[in-house]
Amino acid sequence: MKPSLIPVCAAVVCALFASVQTIAAEADRPRVISVSGQGEVQAEPDHALVTLGVESRKPKLDDARADVSKTVDAILKLTRDLKIDTKYVRSTRVNVQPEYNWENGARARNLIGYVVSRQVEVELRDLEKLGTLLEKATDLGVNQLGDPRLDSSKRRDLEREALAKAVEDAKLNAEAVAKAAGAKVGGARTISASSGYSAPPMPMAASKVMMARAGDAAQTYQSGQMSFTGNVQIEYDLVVGP
């Protein structure tokens, strides 16, 4: 062989070797199908976190503090009257903020009073008492009231049930795609999952509760259904027939 042909032959051999490696790598690469799945479960909430806030503005600190303390004591008595276990009732510490006005001419600020606030948090295990608690609390002087946060004591189990439904949905999706491609679904290779929940909106806003002084407020509140969701991303082996 002529010396000039040696480099050419070497290049051809290298190219053929690289092609063989590429073909082998393609043959060894697993055939997979990646799909997503969703699942949802609905259930009624069985407890709620209620935050009852009291705020008072007075020229004198002692007057504002006494006003807030009187209302908070009345709220705590209300929870006892409603037979709410004391371990589900928490009161926060008193928050005090001085209040000033600014005089541009004198370039100075003057103390005009104090703002005192405090909150009572109630974990309500009997939702039939929710309307009564909110109505009577506003009558006692609660002036900062947010929407109750509904939840379920079975939340984790319900989220797991939603995840199981999501896996079933993903398997059906994979089988539908594989069938259309003339293949079958094998075992799962990788799975990623996430879950969550959403509480139903309260049918009556807190501002309207302030005005609902008459009638049976307990019947006004219908808890509705909570939605528990699961989402998965699964990679299955794709089995191709002969």
C-alpha atoms as a PDB file:
ATOM      1  CA  MET A   1       0.000   0.000   0.000  1.00  0.00           C
ATOM      2  CA  LYS A   2       1.220   3.400  -0.926  1.00  0.00           C
ATOM      3  CA  PRO A   3       2.091   5.639   2.030  1.00  0.00           C
ATOM      4  CA  SER A   4      -0.343   8.321   0.793  1.00  0.00           C
ATOM      5  CA  LEU A   5      -3.281   5.899   1.134  1.00  0.00           C
ATOM      6  CA  ILE A   6      -2.624   5.124   4.797  1.00  0.00           C
ATOM      7  CA  PRO A   7      -4.227   8.305   6.218  1.00  0.00           C
ATOM      8  CA  VAL A   8      -7.281   7.852   3.978  1.00  0.00           C
ATOM      9  CA  CYS A   9      -7.788   4.270   5.097  1.00  0.00           C
ATOM     10  CA  ALA A  10      -7.385   5.266   8.724  1.00  0.00           C
ATOM     11  CA  ALA A  11     -10.029   7.963   8.341  1.00  0.00           C
ATOM     12  CA  VAL A  12     -12.441   5.505   6.720  1.00  0.00           C
ATOM     13  CA  VAL A  13     -11.890   2.975   9.496  1.00  0.00           C
ATOM     14  CA  CYS A  14     -12.484   5.645  12.152  1.00  0.00           C
ATOM     15  CA  ALA A  15     -15.682   6.778  10.433  1.00  0.00           C
ATOM     16  CA  LEU A  16     -16.976   3.205  10.204  1.00  0.00           C
ATOM     17  CA  PHE A  17     -16.113   2.613  13.879  1.00  0.00           C
ATOM     18  CA  ALA A  18     -17.934   5.791  14.910  1.00  0.00           C
ATOM     19  CA  SER A  19     -20.981   4.750  12.889  1.00  0.00           C
ATOM     20  CA  VAL A  20     -21.034   1.351  14.565  1.00  0.00           C
ATOM     21  CA  GLN A  21     -20.805   3.014  17.984  1.00  0.00           C
ATOM     22  CA  THR A  22     -23.686   5.351  17.126  1.00  0.00           C
ATOM     23  CA  ILE A  23     -25.878   2.476  15.946  1.00  0.00           C
ATOM     24  CA  ALA A  24     -25.041   0.501  19.108  1.00  0.00           C
ATOM     25  CA  ALA A  25     -25.837   3.479  21.291  1.00  0.00           C
ATOM     26  CA  GLU A  26     -29.173   3.983  19.546  1.00  0.00           C
ATOM     27  CA  ALA A  27     -29.965   0.285  20.039  1.00  0.00           C
ATOM     28  CA  ASP A  28     -29.090   0.476  23.753  1.00  0.00           C
ATOM     29  CA  ARG A  29     -31.094   3.663  24.371  1.00  0.00           C
ATOM     30  CA  PRO A  30     -34.309   2.771  26.227  1.00  0.00           C
ATOM     31  CA  ARG A  31     -37.558   3.471  24.482  1.00  0.00           C
ATOM     32  CA  VAL A  32     -39.796   5.403  26.848  1.00  0.00           C
ATOM     33  CA  ILE A  33     -43.019   7.340  26.895  1.00  0.00           C
ATOM     34  CA  SER A  34     -43.526  10.318  29.231  1.00  0.00           C
ATOM     35  CA  VAL A  35     -47.063  11.307  30.264  1.00  0.00           C
ATOM     36  CA  SER A  36     -48.815  13.352  32.925  1.00  0.00           C
ATOM     37  CA  GLY A  37     -51.886  12.554  34.992  1.00  0.00           C
ATOM     38  CA  GLN A  38     -54.305  14.436  37.192  1.00  0.00           C
ATOM     39  CA  GLY A  39     -56.603  13.324  39.981  1.00  0.00           C
ATOM     40  CA  GLU A  40     -59.155  15.115  42.145  1.00  0.00           C
ATOM     41  CA  VAL A  41     -61.125  14.221  45.267  1.00  0.00           C
ATOM     42  CA  GLN A  42     -63.778  16.379  46.912  1.00  0.00           C
ATOM     43  CA  ALA A  43     -64.820  16.332  50.550  1.00  0.00           C
ATOM     44  CA  GLU A  44     -66.490  18.586  53.070  1.00  0.00           C
ATOM     45  CA  PRO A  45     -64.262  20.474  55.539  1.00  0.00           C
ATOM     46  CA  ASP A  46     -64.658  19.528  59.183  1.00  0.00           C
ATOM     47  CA  HIS A  47     -62.921  22.422  60.956  1.00  0.00           C
ATOM     48  CA  ALA A  48     -62.031  26.062  60.464  1.00  0.00           C
ATOM     49  CA  LEU A  49     -59.488  28.536  61.785  1.00  0.00           C
ATOM     50  CA  VAL A  50     -61.228  31.776  62.755  1.00  0.00           C
ATOM     51  CA  THR A  51     -59.282  34.947  63.568  1.00  0.00           C
ATOM     52  CA  LEU A  52     -61.174  37.552  65.592  1.00  0.00           C
ATOM     53  CA  GLY A  53     -59.386  40.883  65.789  1.00  0.00           C
ATOM     54  CA  VAL A  54     -60.040  43.844  68.073  1.00  0.00           C
ATOM     55  CA  GLU A  55     -58.597  47.319  67.548  1.00  0.00           C
ATOM     56  CA  SER A  56     -59.163  50.481  69.572  1.00  0.00           C
ATOM     57  CA  ARG A  57     -57.978  54.073  69.019  1.00  0.00           C
ATOM     58  CA  LYS A  58     -58.006  56.324  72.051  1.00  0.00           C
ATOM     59  CA  PRO A  59     -56.198  59.496  73.122  1.00  0.00           C
ATOM     60  CA  LYS A  60     -55.037  57.703  76.264  1.00  0.00           C
ATOM     61  CA  LEU A  61     -53.181  54.405  76.213  1.00  0.00           C
ATOM     62  CA  ASP A  62     -54.940  53.041  79.306  1.00  0.00           C
ATOM     63  CA  ASP A  63     -58.355  53.685  77.759  1.00  0.00           C
ATOM     64  CA  ALA A  64     -57.447  51.917  74.510  1.00  0.00           C
ATOM     65  CA  ARG A  65     -55.925  48.977  76.348  1.00  0.00           C
ATOM     66  CA  ALA A  66     -58.950  48.660  78.638  1.00  0.00           C
ATOM     67  CA  ASP A  67     -61.311  48.778  75.643  1.00  0.00           C
ATOM     68  CA  VAL A  68     -59.470  45.944  73.885  1.00  0.00           C
ATOM     69  CA  SER A  69     -59.138  43.838  77.054  1.00  0.00           C
ATOM     70  CA  LYS A  70     -62.868  44.129  77.737  1.00  0.00           C
ATOM     71  CA  THR A  71     -63.750  42.903  74.253  1.00  0.00           C
ATOM     72  CA  VAL A  72     -61.223  40.059  74.304  1.00  0.00           C
ATOM     73  CA  ASP A  73     -62.506  38.880  77.694  1.00  0.00           C
ATOM     74  CA  ALA A  74     -66.033  38.874  76.267  1.00  0.00           C
ATOM     75  CA  ILE A  75     -64.895  36.824  73.248  1.00  0.00           C
ATOM     76  CA  LEU A  76     -63.182  34.266  75.479  1.00  0.00           C
ATOM     77  CA  LYS A  77     -66.365  33.973  77.517  1.00  0.00           C
ATOM     78  CA  LEU A  78     -68.311  33.486  74.285  1.00  0.00           C
ATOM     79  CA  THR A  79     -66.090  30.548  73.309  1.00  0.00           C
ATOM     80  CA  ARG A  80     -66.743  28.982  76.699  1.00  0.00           C
ATOM     81  CA  ASP A  81     -70.479  29.530  76.318  1.00  0.00           C
ATOM     82  CA  LEU A  82     -70.319  27.792  72.931  1.00  0.00           C
ATOM     83  CA  LYS A  83     -68.484  24.898  74.623  1.00  0.00           C
ATOM     84  CA  ILE A  84     -65.367  25.296  72.500  1.00  0.00           C
ATOM     85  CA  ASP A  85     -62.466  23.481  74.125  1.00  0.00           C
ATOM     86  CA  THR A  86     -59.963  25.958  75.574  1.00  0.00           C
ATOM     87  CA  LYS A  87     -57.072  24.119  73.906  1.00  0.00           C
ATOM     88  CA  TYR A  88     -58.445  25.321  70.547  1.00  0.00           C
ATOM     89  CA  VAL A  89     -58.575  28.982  71.620  1.00  0.00           C
ATOM     90  CA  ARG A  90     -55.487  31.229  71.573  1.00  0.00           C
ATOM     91  CA  SER A  91     -55.163  34.939  72.257  1.00  0.00           C
ATOM     92  CA  THR A  92     -52.210  36.954  71.002  1.00  0.00           C
ATOM     93  CA  ARG A  93     -50.243  39.522  72.942  1.00  0.00           C
ATOM     94  CA  VAL A  94     -51.336  43.147  72.984  1.00  0.00           C
ATOM     95  CA  ASN A  95     -49.915  45.298  70.191  1.00  0.00           C
ATOM     96  CA  VAL A  96     -49.516  49.024  70.944  1.00  0.00           C
ATOM     97  CA  GLN A  97     -48.682  51.729  68.395  1.00  0.00           C
ATOM     98  CA  PRO A  98     -48.554  55.457  69.083  1.00  0.00           C
ATOM     99  CA  GLU A  99     -50.433  57.627  66.611  1.00  0.00           C
ATOM    100  CA  TYR A 100     -49.115  61.020  65.488  1.00  0.00           C
ATOM    101  CA  ASN A 101     -50.119  63.883  63.237  1.00  0.00           C
ATOM    102  CA  TRP A 102     -47.643  66.093  61.383  1.00  0.00           C
ATOM    103  CA  GLU A 103     -47.679  69.868  61.526  1.00  0.00           C
ATOM    104  CA  ASN A 104     -45.931  71.271  58.468  1.00  0.00           C
ATOM    105  CA  GLY A 105     -45.611  74.790  59.889  1.00  0.00           C
ATOM    106  CA  ALA A 106     -43.864  73.692  63.064  1.00  0.00           C
ATOM    107  CA  ARG A 107     -42.116  70.801  61.287  1.00  0.00           C
ATOM    108  CA  ALA A 108     -42.961  68.577  64.187  1.00  0.00           C
ATOM    109  CA  ARG A 109     -45.210  65.655  64.968  1.00  0.00           C
ATOM    110  CA  ASN A 110     -47.671  65.567  67.818  1.00  0.00           C
ATOM    111  CA  LEU A 111     -48.857  62.522  69.698  1.00  0.00           C
ATOM    112  CA  ILE A 112     -52.640  62.308  69.307  1.00  0.00           C
ATOM    113  CA  GLY A 113     -53.299  58.889  70.784  1.00  0.00           C
ATOM    114  CA  TYR A 114     -52.655  55.171  70.707  1.00  0.00           C
ATOM    115  CA  VAL A 115     -53.790  52.223  68.630  1.00  0.00           C
ATOM    116  CA  VAL A 116     -54.113  49.005  70.614  1.00  0.00           C
ATOM    117  CA  SER A 117     -54.944  45.688  68.940  1.00  0.00           C
ATOM    118  CA  ARG A 118     -55.209  42.038  69.833  1.00  0.00           C
ATOM    119  CA  GLN A 119     -56.417  38.835  68.197  1.00  0.00           C
ATOM    120  CA  VAL A 120     -58.184  35.687  69.313  1.00  0.00           C
ATOM    121  CA  GLU A 121     -57.677  32.591  67.164  1.00  0.00           C
ATOM    122  CA  VAL A 122     -60.282  29.848  67.376  1.00  0.00           C
ATOM    123  CA  GLU A 123     -59.828  26.422  65.818  1.00  0.00           C
ATOM    124  CA  LEU A 124     -63.457  25.475  65.404  1.00  0.00           C
ATOM    125  CA  ARG A 125     -64.094  21.746  65.269  1.00  0.00           C
ATOM    126  CA  ASP A 126     -67.869  22.066  64.934  1.00  0.00           C
ATOM    127  CA  LEU A 127     -68.716  24.072  61.817  1.00  0.00           C
ATOM    128  CA  GLU A 128     -72.368  24.308  62.849  1.00  0.00           C
ATOM    129  CA  LYS A 129     -71.206  26.902  65.386  1.00  0.00           C
ATOM    130  CA  LEU A 130     -69.371  29.021  62.815  1.00  0.00           C
ATOM    131  CA  GLY A 131     -72.186  31.432  62.012  1.00  0.00           C
ATOM    132  CA  THR A 132     -73.108  31.897  65.661  1.00  0.00           C
ATOM    133  CA  LEU A 133     -69.496  32.546  66.640  1.00  0.00           C
ATOM    134  CA  LEU A 134     -69.005  35.212  63.961  1.00  0.00           C
ATOM    135  CA  GLU A 135     -72.328  36.907  64.566  1.00  0.00           C
ATOM    136  CA  LYS A 136     -71.968  37.148  68.328  1.00  0.00           C
ATOM    137  CA  ALA A 137     -68.286  38.116  68.103  1.00  0.00           C
ATOM    138  CA  THR A 138     -69.123  41.141  65.959  1.00  0.00           C
ATOM    139  CA  ASP A 139     -71.866  42.082  68.408  1.00  0.00           C
ATOM    140  CA  LEU A 140     -69.248  42.046  71.173  1.00  0.00           C
ATOM    141  CA  GLY A 141     -66.987  44.480  69.343  1.00  0.00           C
ATOM    142  CA  VAL A 142     -64.788  42.472  66.960  1.00  0.00           C
ATOM    143  CA  ASN A 143     -63.862  44.901  64.181  1.00  0.00           C
ATOM    144  CA  GLN A 144     -61.187  42.959  62.287  1.00  0.00           C
ATOM    145  CA  LEU A 145     -62.569  39.751  60.844  1.00  0.00           C
ATOM    146  CA  GLY A 146     -61.109  37.690  58.023  1.00  0.00           C
ATOM    147  CA  ASP A 147     -62.718  34.829  56.150  1.00  0.00           C
ATOM    148  CA  PRO A 148     -62.460  31.549  58.098  1.00  0.00           C
ATOM    149  CA  ARG A 149     -59.819  29.159  56.781  1.00  0.00           C
ATOM    150  CA  LEU A 150     -61.547  25.846  56.159  1.00  0.00           C
ATOM    151  CA  ASP A 151     -59.638  22.579  56.358  1.00  0.00           C
ATOM    152  CA  SER A 152     -60.093  18.833  56.789  1.00  0.00           C
ATOM    153  CA  SER A 153     -58.577  16.563  59.412  1.00  0.00           C
ATOM    154  CA  LYS A 154     -58.301  13.916  56.656  1.00  0.00           C
ATOM    155  CA  ARG A 155     -56.417  16.201  54.289  1.00  0.00           C
ATOM    156  CA  ARG A 156     -53.307  14.032  53.906  1.00  0.00           C
ATOM    157  CA  ASP A 157     -55.345  10.881  53.215  1.00  0.00           C
ATOM    158  CA  LEU A 158     -57.479  12.761  50.682  1.00  0.00           C
ATOM    159  CA  GLU A 159     -54.398  14.142  48.930  1.00  0.00           C
ATOM    160  CA  ARG A 160     -52.982  10.600  48.710  1.00  0.00           C
ATOM    161  CA  GLU A 161     -56.255   9.411  47.209  1.00  0.00           C
ATOM    162  CA  ALA A 162     -56.022  12.191  44.620  1.00  0.00           C
ATOM    163  CA  LEU A 163     -52.440  11.142  43.827  1.00  0.00           C
ATOM    164  CA  ALA A 164     -53.551   7.535  43.307  1.00  0.00           C
ATOM    165  CA  LYS A 165     -56.177   8.749  40.844  1.00  0.00           C
ATOM    166  CA  ALA A 166     -53.534  10.813  39.074  1.00  0.00           C
ATOM    167  CA  VAL A 167     -51.360   7.713  38.602  1.00  0.00           C
ATOM    168  CA  GLU A 168     -54.346   5.820  37.138  1.00  0.00           C
ATOM    169  CA  ASP A 169     -54.976   8.737  34.782  1.00  0.00           C
ATOM    170  CA  ALA A 170     -51.335   8.784  33.675  1.00  0.00           C
ATOM    171  CA  LYS A 171     -51.419   5.031  32.955  1.00  0.00           C
ATOM    172  CA  LEU A 172     -54.530   5.413  30.804  1.00  0.00           C
ATOM    173  CA  ASN A 173     -52.902   8.289  28.927  1.00  0.00           C
ATOM    174  CA  ALA A 174     -49.774   6.238  28.302  1.00  0.00           C
ATOM    175  CA  GLU A 175     -51.761   3.254  27.057  1.00  0.00           C
ATOM    176  CA  ALA A 176     -53.776   5.429  24.677  1.00  0.00           C
ATOM    177  CA  VAL A 177     -50.645   6.980  23.168  1.00  0.00           C
ATOM    178  CA  ALA A 178     -48.782   3.674  22.948  1.00  0.00           C
ATOM    179  CA  LYS A 179     -51.720   1.935  21.281  1.00  0.00           C
ATOM    180  CA  ALA A 180     -51.940   4.651  18.663  1.00  0.00           C
ATOM    181  CA  ALA A 181     -48.219   4.167  17.982  1.00  0.00           C
ATOM    182  CA  GLY A 182     -48.510   0.383  17.703  1.00  0.00           C
ATOM    183  CA  ALA A 183     -46.688  -0.296  20.968  1.00  0.00           C
ATOM    184  CA  LYS A 184     -47.418  -1.290  24.548  1.00  0.00           C
ATOM    185  CA  VAL A 185     -46.656   0.229  27.936  1.00  0.00           C
ATOM    186  CA  GLY A 186     -44.084  -1.389  30.184  1.00  0.00           C
ATOM    187  CA  GLY A 187     -43.093  -0.642  33.757  1.00  0.00           C
ATOM    188  CA  ALA A 188     -42.672   2.820  35.222  1.00  0.00           C
ATOM    189  CA  ARG A 189     -39.116   4.190  35.192  1.00  0.00           C
ATOM    190  CA  THR A 190     -39.493   7.554  36.934  1.00  0.00           C
ATOM    191  CA  ILE A 191     -42.341   9.293  38.770  1.00  0.00           C
ATOM    192  CA  SER A 192     -42.630  12.849  40.031  1.00  0.00           C
ATOM    193  CA  ALA A 193     -45.711  13.916  41.987  1.00  0.00           C
ATOM    194  CA  SER A 194     -47.261  16.893  43.727  1.00  0.00           C
ATOM    195  CA  SER A 195     -50.501  17.445  45.609  1.00  0.00           C
ATOM    196  CA  GLY A 196     -52.530  20.306  47.051  1.00  0.00           C
ATOM    197  CA  TYR A 197     -55.960  21.444  48.090  1.00  0.00           C
ATOM    198  CA  SER A 198     -58.257  24.433  47.806  1.00  0.00           C
ATOM    199  CA  ALA A 199     -60.994  25.443  50.202  1.00  0.00           C
ATOM    200  CA  PRO A 200     -64.345  26.641  48.912  1.00  0.00           C
ATOM    201  CA  PRO A 201     -64.976  30.394  49.038  1.00  0.00           C
ATOM    202  CA  MET A 202     -67.196  31.492  51.873  1.00  0.00           C
ATOM    203  CA  PRO A 203     -70.587  32.455  50.437  1.00  0.00           C
ATOM    204  CA  MET A 204     -70.769  35.565  52.626  1.00  0.00           C
ATOM    205  CA  ALA A 205     -67.824  37.932  53.046  1.00  0.00           C
ATOM    206  CA  ALA A 206     -66.625  39.035  56.455  1.00  0.00           C
ATOM    207  CA  SER A 207     -67.807  42.602  55.841  1.00  0.00           C
ATOM    208  CA  LYS A 208     -71.334  41.320  55.356  1.00  0.00           C
ATOM    209  CA  VAL A 209     -71.096  39.344  58.578  1.00  0.00           C
ATOM    210  CA  MET A 210     -70.718  42.634  60.361  1.00  0.00           C
ATOM    211  CA  MET A 211     -74.193  43.577  59.139  1.00  0.00           C
ATOM    212  CA  ALA A 212     -75.820  40.190  59.718  1.00  0.00           C
ATOM    213  CA  ARG A 213     -77.070  40.994  63.194  1.00  0.00           C
ATOM    214  CA  ALA A 214     -80.504  39.439  62.709  1.00  0.00           C
ATOM    215  CA  GLY A 215     -81.660  35.969  61.787  1.00  0.00           C
ATOM    216  CA  ASP A 216     -79.894  32.654  62.135  1.00  0.00           C
ATOM    217  CA  ALA A 217     -76.330  33.276  60.949  1.00  0.00           C
ATOM    218  CA  ALA A 218     -75.472  29.627  61.534  1.00  0.00           C
ATOM    219  CA  GLN A 219     -77.679  28.740  58.572  1.00  0.00           C
ATOM    220  CA  THR A 220     -76.043  31.423  56.424  1.00  0.00           C
ATOM    221  CA  TYR A 221     -72.751  29.560  56.276  1.00  0.00           C
ATOM    222  CA  GLN A 222     -72.623  26.526  54.011  1.00  0.00           C
ATOM    223  CA  SER A 223     -69.125  25.100  53.981  1.00  0.00           C
ATOM    224  CA  GLY A 224     -69.257  23.612  50.479  1.00  0.00           C
ATOM    225  CA  GLN A 225     -66.700  21.148  49.152  1.00  0.00           C
ATOM    226  CA  MET A 226     -62.926  21.201  49.350  1.00  0.00           C
ATOM    227  CA  SER A 227     -60.955  20.044  46.311  1.00  0.00           C
ATOM    228  CA  PHE A 228     -57.879  17.852  46.798  1.00  0.00           C
ATOM    229  CA  THR A 229     -55.706  17.479  43.715  1.00  0.00           C
ATOM    230  CA  GLY A 230     -52.826  15.281  42.653  1.00  0.00           C
ATOM    231  CA  ASN A 231     -50.489  15.705  39.676  1.00  0.00           C
ATOM    232  CA  VAL A 232     -47.924  13.198  38.416  1.00  0.00           C
ATOM    233  CA  GLN A 233     -45.374  12.961  35.636  1.00  0.00           C
ATOM    234  CA  ILE A 234     -44.447   9.348  34.811  1.00  0.00           C
ATOM    235  CA  GLU A 235     -41.983   7.860  32.386  1.00  0.00           C
ATOM    236  CA  TYR A 236     -42.883   4.328  31.233  1.00  0.00           C
ATOM    237  CA  ASP A 237     -40.950   1.807  29.175  1.00  0.00           C
ATOM    238  CA  LEU A 238     -42.301   1.633  25.631  1.00  0.00           C
ATOM    239  CA  VAL A 239     -42.531  -1.968  24.408  1.00  0.00           C
ATOM    240  CA  VAL A 240     -42.407  -2.198  20.628  1.00  0.00           C
ATOM    241  CA  GLY A 241     -43.638  -5.397  19.043  1.00  0.00           C
ATOM    242  CA  PRO A 242     -41.703  -7.376  16.398  1.00  0.00           C
END
